[in-house]
Full PDB file with SEQRES, HELIX, SHEET, SSBOND, CRYST1, ORIGX, SCALE, CONECT and MASTER records, all heavy atoms in Angstrom:
SEQRES   1 A   37  GLY PHE ILE GLY ALA THR MET VAL ALA LEU ALA ALA ILE          
SEQRES   2 A   37  ALA ILE VAL GLN PHE GLY ILE ILE PRO GLY VAL PRO SER          
SEQRES   3 A   37  LEU ALA THR LYS PHE ASP TYR PHE PHE VAL ASN                  
HELIX    1 AA1 PHE A    2  ALA A   14  1                                  13    
HELIX    2 AA2 ILE A   15  ILE A   20  3                                   6    
HELIX    3 AA3 ILE A   21  VAL A   36  1                                  16    
CRYST1    1.000    1.000    1.000  90.00  90.00  90.00 P 1           1          
ORIGX1      1.000000  0.000000  0.000000        0.00000                         
ORIGX2      0.000000  1.000000  0.000000        0.00000                         
ORIGX3      0.000000  0.000000  1.000000        0.00000                         
SCALE1      1.000000  0.000000  0.000000        0.00000                         
SCALE2      0.000000  1.000000  0.000000        0.00000                         
SCALE3      0.000000  0.000000  1.000000        0.00000                         
ATOM      1  N   GLY A   1     142.723  93.470 115.937  1.00  0.00           N  
ATOM      2  CA  GLY A   1     143.191  94.494 116.869  1.00  0.00           C  
ATOM      3  C   GLY A   1     144.521  95.075 116.434  1.00  0.00           C  
ATOM      4  O   GLY A   1     144.739  96.296 116.513  1.00  0.00           O  
ATOM      5  N   PHE A   2     145.425  94.206 115.954  1.00  0.00           N  
ATOM      6  CA  PHE A   2     146.728  94.666 115.498  1.00  0.00           C  
ATOM      7  C   PHE A   2     146.588  95.547 114.263  1.00  0.00           C  
ATOM      8  O   PHE A   2     147.257  96.583 114.146  1.00  0.00           O  
ATOM      9  CB  PHE A   2     147.621  93.468 115.186  1.00  0.00           C  
ATOM     10  CG  PHE A   2     149.004  93.843 114.738  1.00  0.00           C  
ATOM     11  CD1 PHE A   2     149.953  94.258 115.653  1.00  0.00           C  
ATOM     12  CD2 PHE A   2     149.341  93.797 113.395  1.00  0.00           C  
ATOM     13  CE1 PHE A   2     151.232  94.616 115.246  1.00  0.00           C  
ATOM     14  CE2 PHE A   2     150.612  94.154 112.977  1.00  0.00           C  
ATOM     15  CZ  PHE A   2     151.566  94.564 113.906  1.00  0.00           C  
ATOM     16  N   ILE A   3     145.713  95.148 113.338  1.00  0.00           N  
ATOM     17  CA  ILE A   3     145.474  95.964 112.143  1.00  0.00           C  
ATOM     18  C   ILE A   3     144.882  97.323 112.540  1.00  0.00           C  
ATOM     19  O   ILE A   3     145.263  98.367 112.005  1.00  0.00           O  
ATOM     20  CB  ILE A   3     144.537  95.229 111.165  1.00  0.00           C  
ATOM     21  CG1 ILE A   3     145.240  93.984 110.602  1.00  0.00           C  
ATOM     22  CG2 ILE A   3     144.100  96.155 110.025  1.00  0.00           C  
ATOM     23  CD1 ILE A   3     144.355  93.119 109.730  1.00  0.00           C  
ATOM     24  N   GLY A   4     143.955  97.295 113.508  1.00  0.00           N  
ATOM     25  CA  GLY A   4     143.367  98.544 113.982  1.00  0.00           C  
ATOM     26  C   GLY A   4     144.403  99.463 114.600  1.00  0.00           C  
ATOM     27  O   GLY A   4     144.402 100.676 114.358  1.00  0.00           O  
ATOM     28  N   ALA A   5     145.319  98.884 115.408  1.00  0.00           N  
ATOM     29  CA  ALA A   5     146.380  99.687 116.017  1.00  0.00           C  
ATOM     30  C   ALA A   5     147.295 100.277 114.947  1.00  0.00           C  
ATOM     31  O   ALA A   5     147.736 101.435 115.056  1.00  0.00           O  
ATOM     32  CB  ALA A   5     147.187  98.829 116.991  1.00  0.00           C  
ATOM     33  N   THR A   6     147.570  99.490 113.905  1.00  0.00           N  
ATOM     34  CA  THR A   6     148.397  99.981 112.809  1.00  0.00           C  
ATOM     35  C   THR A   6     147.728 101.145 112.100  1.00  0.00           C  
ATOM     36  O   THR A   6     148.381 102.152 111.764  1.00  0.00           O  
ATOM     37  CB  THR A   6     148.676  98.851 111.799  1.00  0.00           C  
ATOM     38  OG1 THR A   6     149.320  97.762 112.474  1.00  0.00           O  
ATOM     39  CG2 THR A   6     149.562  99.336 110.661  1.00  0.00           C  
ATOM     40  N   MET A   7     146.423 101.029 111.875  1.00  0.00           N  
ATOM     41  CA  MET A   7     145.689 102.125 111.226  1.00  0.00           C  
ATOM     42  C   MET A   7     145.700 103.387 112.090  1.00  0.00           C  
ATOM     43  O   MET A   7     145.826 104.498 111.577  1.00  0.00           O  
ATOM     44  CB  MET A   7     144.256 101.681 110.928  1.00  0.00           C  
ATOM     45  CG  MET A   7     144.144 100.523 109.951  1.00  0.00           C  
ATOM     46  SD  MET A   7     144.930 100.864 108.361  1.00  0.00           S  
ATOM     47  CE  MET A   7     143.868 102.152 107.752  1.00  0.00           C  
ATOM     48  N   VAL A   8     145.582 103.210 113.400  1.00  0.00           N  
ATOM     49  CA  VAL A   8     145.642 104.363 114.308  1.00  0.00           C  
ATOM     50  C   VAL A   8     147.015 105.024 114.234  1.00  0.00           C  
ATOM     51  O   VAL A   8     147.126 106.264 114.199  1.00  0.00           O  
ATOM     52  CB  VAL A   8     145.330 103.921 115.753  1.00  0.00           C  
ATOM     53  CG1 VAL A   8     145.649 105.045 116.742  1.00  0.00           C  
ATOM     54  CG2 VAL A   8     143.873 103.512 115.882  1.00  0.00           C  
ATOM     55  N   ALA A   9     148.071 104.202 114.195  1.00  0.00           N  
ATOM     56  CA  ALA A   9     149.429 104.748 114.119  1.00  0.00           C  
ATOM     57  C   ALA A   9     149.631 105.526 112.821  1.00  0.00           C  
ATOM     58  O   ALA A   9     150.187 106.626 112.828  1.00  0.00           O  
ATOM     59  CB  ALA A   9     150.446 103.612 114.210  1.00  0.00           C  
ATOM     60  N   LEU A  10     149.172 104.963 111.699  1.00  0.00           N  
ATOM     61  CA  LEU A  10     149.314 105.645 110.413  1.00  0.00           C  
ATOM     62  C   LEU A  10     148.501 106.938 110.386  1.00  0.00           C  
ATOM     63  O   LEU A  10     148.957 107.960 109.851  1.00  0.00           O  
ATOM     64  CB  LEU A  10     148.879 104.715 109.275  1.00  0.00           C  
ATOM     65  CG  LEU A  10     149.759 103.480 109.038  1.00  0.00           C  
ATOM     66  CD1 LEU A  10     149.171 102.602 107.947  1.00  0.00           C  
ATOM     67  CD2 LEU A  10     151.176 103.900 108.658  1.00  0.00           C  
ATOM     68  N   ALA A  11     147.298 106.893 110.964  1.00  0.00           N  
ATOM     69  CA  ALA A  11     146.465 108.100 111.013  1.00  0.00           C  
ATOM     70  C   ALA A  11     147.126 109.183 111.860  1.00  0.00           C  
ATOM     71  O   ALA A  11     147.107 110.366 111.505  1.00  0.00           O  
ATOM     72  CB  ALA A  11     145.080 107.753 111.563  1.00  0.00           C  
ATOM     73  N   ALA A  12     147.735 108.779 112.976  1.00  0.00           N  
ATOM     74  CA  ALA A  12     148.407 109.751 113.847  1.00  0.00           C  
ATOM     75  C   ALA A  12     149.593 110.399 113.133  1.00  0.00           C  
ATOM     76  O   ALA A  12     149.797 111.616 113.226  1.00  0.00           O  
ATOM     77  CB  ALA A  12     148.872 109.067 115.135  1.00  0.00           C  
ATOM     78  N   ILE A  13     150.369 109.588 112.405  1.00  0.00           N  
ATOM     79  CA  ILE A  13     151.491 110.139 111.641  1.00  0.00           C  
ATOM     80  C   ILE A  13     150.986 111.108 110.580  1.00  0.00           C  
ATOM     81  O   ILE A  13     151.556 112.194 110.376  1.00  0.00           O  
ATOM     82  CB  ILE A  13     152.314 109.011 110.989  1.00  0.00           C  
ATOM     83  CG1 ILE A  13     153.074 108.224 112.057  1.00  0.00           C  
ATOM     84  CG2 ILE A  13     153.295 109.574 109.970  1.00  0.00           C  
ATOM     85  CD1 ILE A  13     153.869 107.053 111.508  1.00  0.00           C  
ATOM     86  N   ALA A  14     149.911 110.732 109.885  1.00  0.00           N  
ATOM     87  CA  ALA A  14     149.357 111.595 108.838  1.00  0.00           C  
ATOM     88  C   ALA A  14     148.868 112.924 109.407  1.00  0.00           C  
ATOM     89  O   ALA A  14     149.083 113.980 108.810  1.00  0.00           O  
ATOM     90  CB  ALA A  14     148.215 110.870 108.121  1.00  0.00           C  
ATOM     91  N   ILE A  15     148.227 112.866 110.579  1.00  0.00           N  
ATOM     92  CA  ILE A  15     147.725 114.098 111.193  1.00  0.00           C  
ATOM     93  C   ILE A  15     148.875 115.035 111.551  1.00  0.00           C  
ATOM     94  O   ILE A  15     148.805 116.248 111.325  1.00  0.00           O  
ATOM     95  CB  ILE A  15     146.884 113.773 112.440  1.00  0.00           C  
ATOM     96  CG1 ILE A  15     145.562 113.113 112.017  1.00  0.00           C  
ATOM     97  CG2 ILE A  15     146.600 115.025 113.256  1.00  0.00           C  
ATOM     98  CD1 ILE A  15     144.751 112.575 113.172  1.00  0.00           C  
ATOM     99  N   VAL A  16     149.961 114.458 112.089  1.00  0.00           N  
ATOM    100  CA  VAL A  16     151.109 115.292 112.474  1.00  0.00           C  
ATOM    101  C   VAL A  16     151.868 115.770 111.243  1.00  0.00           C  
ATOM    102  O   VAL A  16     152.174 116.971 111.103  1.00  0.00           O  
ATOM    103  CB  VAL A  16     152.046 114.522 113.414  1.00  0.00           C  
ATOM    104  CG1 VAL A  16     153.291 115.341 113.723  1.00  0.00           C  
ATOM    105  CG2 VAL A  16     151.326 114.159 114.706  1.00  0.00           C  
ATOM    106  N   GLN A  17     152.172 114.839 110.324  1.00  0.00           N  
ATOM    107  CA  GLN A  17     153.027 115.160 109.176  1.00  0.00           C  
ATOM    108  C   GLN A  17     152.334 116.056 108.158  1.00  0.00           C  
ATOM    109  O   GLN A  17     152.943 117.003 107.638  1.00  0.00           O  
ATOM    110  CB  GLN A  17     153.480 113.859 108.496  1.00  0.00           C  
ATOM    111  CG  GLN A  17     154.255 114.052 107.209  1.00  0.00           C  
ATOM    112  CD  GLN A  17     155.600 114.724 107.421  1.00  0.00           C  
ATOM    113  OE1 GLN A  17     156.206 114.584 108.477  1.00  0.00           O  
ATOM    114  NE2 GLN A  17     156.059 115.472 106.431  1.00  0.00           N  
ATOM    115  N   PHE A  18     151.064 115.770 107.866  1.00  0.00           N  
ATOM    116  CA  PHE A  18     150.370 116.514 106.816  1.00  0.00           C  
ATOM    117  C   PHE A  18     149.340 117.509 107.356  1.00  0.00           C  
ATOM    118  O   PHE A  18     148.828 118.332 106.608  1.00  0.00           O  
ATOM    119  CB  PHE A  18     149.674 115.538 105.865  1.00  0.00           C  
ATOM    120  CG  PHE A  18     150.608 114.546 105.233  1.00  0.00           C  
ATOM    121  CD1 PHE A  18     150.589 113.212 105.605  1.00  0.00           C  
ATOM    122  CD2 PHE A  18     151.523 114.956 104.284  1.00  0.00           C  
ATOM    123  CE1 PHE A  18     151.449 112.297 105.037  1.00  0.00           C  
ATOM    124  CE2 PHE A  18     152.395 114.048 103.701  1.00  0.00           C  
ATOM    125  CZ  PHE A  18     152.363 112.715 104.080  1.00  0.00           C  
ATOM    126  N   GLY A  19     149.033 117.409 108.654  1.00  0.00           N  
ATOM    127  CA  GLY A  19     148.053 118.309 109.231  1.00  0.00           C  
ATOM    128  C   GLY A  19     148.679 119.400 110.071  1.00  0.00           C  
ATOM    129  O   GLY A  19     148.566 120.586 109.759  1.00  0.00           O  
ATOM    130  N   ILE A  20     149.378 119.005 111.119  1.00  0.00           N  
ATOM    131  CA  ILE A  20     149.899 120.003 112.068  1.00  0.00           C  
ATOM    132  C   ILE A  20     151.114 120.739 111.516  1.00  0.00           C  
ATOM    133  O   ILE A  20     151.159 121.978 111.535  1.00  0.00           O  
ATOM    134  CB  ILE A  20     150.236 119.322 113.409  1.00  0.00           C  
ATOM    135  CG1 ILE A  20     148.953 118.798 114.075  1.00  0.00           C  
ATOM    136  CG2 ILE A  20     150.956 120.297 114.331  1.00  0.00           C  
ATOM    137  CD1 ILE A  20     149.190 118.039 115.354  1.00  0.00           C  
ATOM    138  N   ILE A  21     152.104 120.000 111.001  1.00  0.00           N  
ATOM    139  CA  ILE A  21     153.365 120.638 110.619  1.00  0.00           C  
ATOM    140  C   ILE A  21     153.173 121.664 109.493  1.00  0.00           C  
ATOM    141  O   ILE A  21     153.529 122.832 109.658  1.00  0.00           O  
ATOM    142  CB  ILE A  21     154.418 119.575 110.251  1.00  0.00           C  
ATOM    143  CG1 ILE A  21     154.763 118.742 111.483  1.00  0.00           C  
ATOM    144  CG2 ILE A  21     155.672 120.226 109.682  1.00  0.00           C  
ATOM    145  CD1 ILE A  21     155.701 117.593 111.216  1.00  0.00           C  
ATOM    146  N   PRO A  22     152.611 121.279 108.334  1.00  0.00           N  
ATOM    147  CA  PRO A  22     152.388 122.325 107.320  1.00  0.00           C  
ATOM    148  C   PRO A  22     151.043 123.016 107.483  1.00  0.00           C  
ATOM    149  O   PRO A  22     150.837 124.128 107.005  1.00  0.00           O  
ATOM    150  CB  PRO A  22     152.427 121.536 106.007  1.00  0.00           C  
ATOM    151  CG  PRO A  22     151.875 120.194 106.376  1.00  0.00           C  
ATOM    152  CD  PRO A  22     152.287 119.951 107.818  1.00  0.00           C  
ATOM    153  N   GLY A  23     150.094 122.359 108.175  1.00  0.00           N  
ATOM    154  CA  GLY A  23     148.730 122.871 108.242  1.00  0.00           C  
ATOM    155  C   GLY A  23     148.585 124.134 109.073  1.00  0.00           C  
ATOM    156  O   GLY A  23     147.866 125.063 108.687  1.00  0.00           O  
ATOM    157  N   VAL A  24     149.257 124.184 110.219  1.00  0.00           N  
ATOM    158  CA  VAL A  24     149.137 125.361 111.092  1.00  0.00           C  
ATOM    159  C   VAL A  24     149.710 126.608 110.418  1.00  0.00           C  
ATOM    160  O   VAL A  24     149.035 127.644 110.367  1.00  0.00           O  
ATOM    161  CB  VAL A  24     149.813 125.095 112.457  1.00  0.00           C  
ATOM    162  CG1 VAL A  24     149.848 126.367 113.288  1.00  0.00           C  
ATOM    163  CG2 VAL A  24     149.056 124.004 113.211  1.00  0.00           C  
ATOM    164  N   PRO A  25     150.936 126.573 109.856  1.00  0.00           N  
ATOM    165  CA  PRO A  25     151.426 127.761 109.140  1.00  0.00           C  
ATOM    166  C   PRO A  25     150.574 128.110 107.921  1.00  0.00           C  
ATOM    167  O   PRO A  25     150.365 129.287 107.619  1.00  0.00           O  
ATOM    168  CB  PRO A  25     152.853 127.371 108.722  1.00  0.00           C  
ATOM    169  CG  PRO A  25     153.238 126.276 109.653  1.00  0.00           C  
ATOM    170  CD  PRO A  25     151.977 125.537 109.934  1.00  0.00           C  
ATOM    171  N   SER A  26     150.090 127.081 107.207  1.00  0.00           N  
ATOM    172  CA  SER A  26     149.241 127.341 106.047  1.00  0.00           C  
ATOM    173  C   SER A  26     147.953 128.036 106.459  1.00  0.00           C  
ATOM    174  O   SER A  26     147.494 128.978 105.791  1.00  0.00           O  
ATOM    175  CB  SER A  26     148.921 126.025 105.330  1.00  0.00           C  
ATOM    176  OG  SER A  26     148.042 126.243 104.244  1.00  0.00           O  
ATOM    177  N   LEU A  27     147.370 127.600 107.572  1.00  0.00           N  
ATOM    178  CA  LEU A  27     146.155 128.247 108.073  1.00  0.00           C  
ATOM    179  C   LEU A  27     146.447 129.690 108.478  1.00  0.00           C  
ATOM    180  O   LEU A  27     145.621 130.580 108.280  1.00  0.00           O  
ATOM    181  CB  LEU A  27     145.609 127.454 109.263  1.00  0.00           C  
ATOM    182  CG  LEU A  27     144.209 127.823 109.759  1.00  0.00           C  
ATOM    183  CD1 LEU A  27     143.176 127.652 108.659  1.00  0.00           C  
ATOM    184  CD2 LEU A  27     143.834 126.976 110.966  1.00  0.00           C  
ATOM    185  N   ALA A  28     147.643 129.926 109.010  1.00  0.00           N  
ATOM    186  CA  ALA A  28     148.025 131.289 109.390  1.00  0.00           C  
ATOM    187  C   ALA A  28     148.086 132.197 108.162  1.00  0.00           C  
ATOM    188  O   ALA A  28     147.696 133.373 108.237  1.00  0.00           O  
ATOM    189  CB  ALA A  28     149.376 131.277 110.101  1.00  0.00           C  
ATOM    190  N   THR A  29     148.560 131.662 107.032  1.00  0.00           N  
ATOM    191  CA  THR A  29     148.601 132.482 105.818  1.00  0.00           C  
ATOM    192  C   THR A  29     147.195 132.839 105.353  1.00  0.00           C  
ATOM    193  O   THR A  29     146.959 133.962 104.876  1.00  0.00           O  
ATOM    194  CB  THR A  29     149.338 131.750 104.680  1.00  0.00           C  
ATOM    195  OG1 THR A  29     148.627 130.551 104.318  1.00  0.00           O  
ATOM    196  CG2 THR A  29     150.752 131.372 105.097  1.00  0.00           C  
ATOM    197  N   LYS A  30     146.237 131.918 105.483  1.00  0.00           N  
ATOM    198  CA  LYS A  30     144.861 132.195 105.059  1.00  0.00           C  
ATOM    199  C   LYS A  30     144.235 133.276 105.937  1.00  0.00           C  
ATOM    200  O   LYS A  30     143.581 134.203 105.442  1.00  0.00           O  
ATOM    201  CB  LYS A  30     144.029 130.911 105.121  1.00  0.00           C  
ATOM    202  CG  LYS A  30     144.608 129.738 104.340  1.00  0.00           C  
ATOM    203  CD  LYS A  30     144.669 130.023 102.857  1.00  0.00           C  
ATOM    204  CE  LYS A  30     145.332 128.876 102.095  1.00  0.00           C  
ATOM    205  NZ  LYS A  30     144.602 127.616 102.191  1.00  0.00           N  
ATOM    206  N   PHE A  31     144.441 133.166 107.235  1.00  0.00           N  
ATOM    207  CA  PHE A  31     143.914 134.177 108.151  1.00  0.00           C  
ATOM    208  C   PHE A  31     144.563 135.538 107.876  1.00  0.00           C  
ATOM    209  O   PHE A  31     143.884 136.572 107.829  1.00  0.00           O  
ATOM    210  CB  PHE A  31     144.162 133.767 109.607  1.00  0.00           C  
ATOM    211  CG  PHE A  31     143.075 132.913 110.201  1.00  0.00           C  
ATOM    212  CD1 PHE A  31     143.058 131.544 110.011  1.00  0.00           C  
ATOM    213  CD2 PHE A  31     142.064 133.485 110.955  1.00  0.00           C  
ATOM    214  CE1 PHE A  31     142.064 130.752 110.560  1.00  0.00           C  
ATOM    215  CE2 PHE A  31     141.064 132.709 111.509  1.00  0.00           C  
ATOM    216  CZ  PHE A  31     141.062 131.338 111.315  1.00  0.00           C  
ATOM    217  N   ASP A  32     145.887 135.539 107.704  1.00  0.00           N  
ATOM    218  CA  ASP A  32     146.599 136.795 107.499  1.00  0.00           C  
ATOM    219  C   ASP A  32     146.182 137.452 106.185  1.00  0.00           C  
ATOM    220  O   ASP A  32     146.028 138.685 106.121  1.00  0.00           O  
ATOM    221  CB  ASP A  32     148.104 136.548 107.514  1.00  0.00           C  
ATOM    222  CG  ASP A  32     148.880 137.715 108.100  1.00  0.00           C  
ATOM    223  OD1 ASP A  32     148.448 138.230 109.149  1.00  0.00           O  
ATOM    224  OD2 ASP A  32     149.893 138.108 107.520  1.00  0.00           O  
ATOM    225  N   TYR A  33     146.009 136.661 105.149  1.00  0.00           N  
ATOM    226  CA  TYR A  33     145.581 137.189 103.849  1.00  0.00           C  
ATOM    227  C   TYR A  33     144.232 137.886 103.981  1.00  0.00           C  
ATOM    228  O   TYR A  33     144.024 138.986 103.454  1.00  0.00           O  
ATOM    229  CB  TYR A  33     145.496 136.047 102.842  1.00  0.00           C  
ATOM    230  CG  TYR A  33     145.224 136.498 101.424  1.00  0.00           C  
ATOM    231  CD1 TYR A  33     146.274 136.762 100.543  1.00  0.00           C  
ATOM    232  CD2 TYR A  33     143.924 136.669 100.960  1.00  0.00           C  
ATOM    233  CE1 TYR A  33     146.029 137.175  99.241  1.00  0.00           C  
ATOM    234  CE2 TYR A  33     143.677 137.098  99.672  1.00  0.00           C  
ATOM    235  CZ  TYR A  33     144.731 137.339  98.818  1.00  0.00           C  
ATOM    236  OH  TYR A  33     144.473 137.761  97.535  1.00  0.00           O  
ATOM    237  N   PHE A  34     143.311 137.271 104.713  1.00  0.00           N  
ATOM    238  CA  PHE A  34     141.975 137.850 104.876  1.00  0.00           C  
ATOM    239  C   PHE A  34     142.026 139.135 105.695  1.00  0.00           C  
ATOM    240  O   PHE A  34     141.436 140.159 105.318  1.00  0.00           O  
ATOM    241  CB  PHE A  34     141.051 136.834 105.557  1.00  0.00           C  
ATOM    242  CG  PHE A  34     139.700 137.390 105.912  1.00  0.00           C  
ATOM    243  CD1 PHE A  34     138.718 137.531 104.940  1.00  0.00           C  
ATOM    244  CD2 PHE A  34     139.402 137.777 107.210  1.00  0.00           C  
ATOM    245  CE1 PHE A  34     137.466 138.046 105.261  1.00  0.00           C  
ATOM    246  CE2 PHE A  34     138.167 138.298 107.539  1.00  0.00           C  
ATOM    247  CZ  PHE A  34     137.191 138.423 106.557  1.00  0.00           C  
ATOM    248  N   PHE A  35     142.742 139.121 106.807  1.00  0.00           N  
ATOM    249  CA  PHE A  35     142.766 140.287 107.689  1.00  0.00           C  
ATOM    250  C   PHE A  35     143.530 141.459 107.079  1.00  0.00           C  
ATOM    251  O   PHE A  35     143.205 142.621 107.357  1.00  0.00           O  
ATOM    252  CB  PHE A  35     143.353 139.909 109.049  1.00  0.00           C  
ATOM    253  CG  PHE A  35     142.358 139.270 109.965  1.00  0.00           C  
ATOM    254  CD1 PHE A  35     142.125 137.905 109.927  1.00  0.00           C  
ATOM    255  CD2 PHE A  35     141.626 140.027 110.864  1.00  0.00           C  
ATOM    256  CE1 PHE A  35     141.199 137.307 110.764  1.00  0.00           C  
ATOM    257  CE2 PHE A  35     140.693 139.445 111.708  1.00  0.00           C  
ATOM    258  CZ  PHE A  35     140.474 138.075 111.659  1.00  0.00           C  
ATOM    259  N   VAL A  36     144.532 141.178 106.243  1.00  0.00           N  
ATOM    260  CA  VAL A  36     145.307 142.257 105.630  1.00  0.00           C  
ATOM    261  C   VAL A  36     144.609 142.772 104.369  1.00  0.00           C  
ATOM    262  O   VAL A  36     144.374 143.971 104.214  1.00  0.00           O  
ATOM    263  CB  VAL A  36     146.736 141.779 105.299  1.00  0.00           C  
ATOM    264  CG1 VAL A  36     147.486 142.841 104.493  1.00  0.00           C  
ATOM    265  CG2 VAL A  36     147.498 141.475 106.576  1.00  0.00           C  
ATOM    266  N   ASN A  37     144.261 141.865 103.454  1.00  0.00           N  
ATOM    267  CA  ASN A  37     143.712 142.290 102.159  1.00  0.00           C  
ATOM    268  C   ASN A  37     142.243 142.682 102.217  1.00  0.00           C  
ATOM    269  O   ASN A  37     141.811 143.552 101.462  1.00  0.00           O  
ATOM    270  CB  ASN A  37     143.892 141.167 101.128  1.00  0.00           C  
ATOM    271  CG  ASN A  37     145.331 141.058 100.660  1.00  0.00           C  
ATOM    272  OD1 ASN A  37     146.241 141.388 101.399  1.00  0.00           O  
ATOM    273  ND2 ASN A  37     145.535 140.610  99.438  1.00  0.00           N  
TER     274      ASN A  37                                                      
MASTER        0    0    0    3    0    0    0    6  273    1    0    3          
END                                                                             
């Protein structure tokens, strides 16, 4: 259970650090590139 909780914590950090923080602006660039070009 403790190992599982640790994995959940690491996954949550990864989602925020590598998914939401750079991911949302990066996704905005992809959308903007398509709609403009």
